[in-house]
Protein backbone atom coordinates (compact mmCIF):
# COMPACT_ATOMS: atom_id res chain seq x y z
CA MET A 1 28.05 -18.34 -47.21
CA ASN A 2 29.61 -15.23 -48.59
CA ALA A 3 28.06 -12.00 -47.24
CA LYS A 4 28.28 -10.37 -50.65
CA ALA A 5 26.38 -13.16 -52.34
CA LEU A 6 22.97 -11.75 -51.41
CA ASN A 7 22.75 -8.06 -50.68
CA LEU A 8 19.26 -7.64 -49.21
CA LYS A 9 19.40 -3.87 -49.45
CA LYS A 10 19.49 -4.04 -53.23
CA VAL A 11 16.75 -6.66 -53.64
CA ASN A 12 13.67 -5.03 -55.11
CA MET A 13 10.77 -7.46 -54.74
CA PHE A 14 8.10 -5.06 -55.98
CA LYS A 15 8.87 -3.01 -59.03
CA ILE A 16 6.93 0.25 -58.85
CA ASN A 17 6.23 2.28 -61.93
CA PRO A 18 7.95 5.69 -61.52
CA TRP A 19 4.71 7.48 -62.41
CA MET A 20 2.88 5.64 -59.63
CA LYS A 21 5.71 6.32 -57.24
CA ASN A 22 5.19 10.06 -57.62
CA TYR A 23 1.38 10.15 -57.57
CA TRP A 24 0.31 7.42 -55.15
CA LEU A 25 -0.80 9.99 -52.58
CA ALA A 26 -3.34 11.30 -55.09
CA ILE A 27 -4.40 7.92 -56.46
CA LEU A 28 -5.02 6.06 -53.20
CA PRO A 29 -7.56 8.51 -51.69
CA PHE A 30 -9.44 8.68 -54.99
CA GLY A 31 -9.48 4.88 -55.20
CA GLY A 32 -10.73 4.69 -51.63
CA PHE A 33 -13.45 7.21 -52.42
CA MET A 34 -14.58 5.24 -55.46
CA PHE A 35 -14.63 1.98 -53.50
CA GLY A 36 -16.65 3.66 -50.73
CA ARG A 37 -19.09 5.07 -53.27
CA TRP A 38 -19.56 1.66 -54.87
CA PHE A 39 -19.99 0.02 -51.47
CA ASP A 40 -22.58 2.62 -50.42
CA LYS A 41 -24.55 2.08 -53.64
CA GLN A 42 -24.55 -1.67 -53.04
CA GLU A 43 -25.86 -1.10 -49.51
CA THR A 44 -28.58 1.23 -50.83
CA ILE A 45 -29.65 -1.40 -53.35
CA ARG A 46 -29.74 -4.04 -50.64
CA MET A 47 -31.74 -1.88 -48.24
CA SER A 48 -34.23 -0.81 -50.93
CA GLU A 49 -35.62 -4.33 -50.84
CA PHE A 50 -37.08 -3.45 -47.43
CA ALA A 51 -38.84 -0.26 -48.58
CA ASP A 52 -42.49 -0.08 -47.57
CA LYS A 53 -42.69 -3.50 -45.96
CA SER A 54 -45.06 -2.56 -43.18
CA TYR A 55 -45.20 -6.05 -41.76
CA MET A 56 -41.68 -5.48 -40.47
CA TYR A 57 -43.23 -2.97 -38.06
CA GLY A 58 -46.27 -5.00 -37.02
CA ARG A 59 -48.80 -4.30 -39.78
CA LYS A 60 -49.75 -6.93 -42.30
CA GLU A 61 -50.78 -4.61 -45.15
CA ARG A 62 -50.22 -1.04 -46.20
CA VAL A 63 -53.33 1.06 -45.73
CA GLU A 64 -54.32 3.16 -48.74
CA GLY A 65 -53.34 6.81 -48.26
CA ASP A 66 -50.38 6.09 -45.99
CA TYR A 67 -47.07 7.77 -46.62
CA SER A 68 -44.72 5.63 -48.67
CA PRO A 69 -40.93 6.01 -48.57
CA TRP A 70 -40.64 6.90 -52.25
CA ASP A 71 -43.31 9.65 -52.28
CA LYS A 72 -40.67 12.34 -51.88
CA TYR A 73 -39.00 11.15 -55.10
CA LEU A 74 -42.24 10.97 -57.09
CA LYS A 75 -43.22 14.58 -56.30
CA GLN A 76 -40.11 16.10 -57.88
């Protein structure tokens, strides 16, 4: 096989847009932040299903007058 037949140094498998090449250091952290924000919101939604379920802590029912987790949001 001829050594000049396939020059691996000139093979470009991934073509990168020149604009992205210059700004990837700004785009990647922002993308990571947005993914983290989305992931945190999904976790908050999942954990909100457990709000005020007193039986998780040994009680079968919530007694009237007890503090509920969302009281601080209702008073605003």
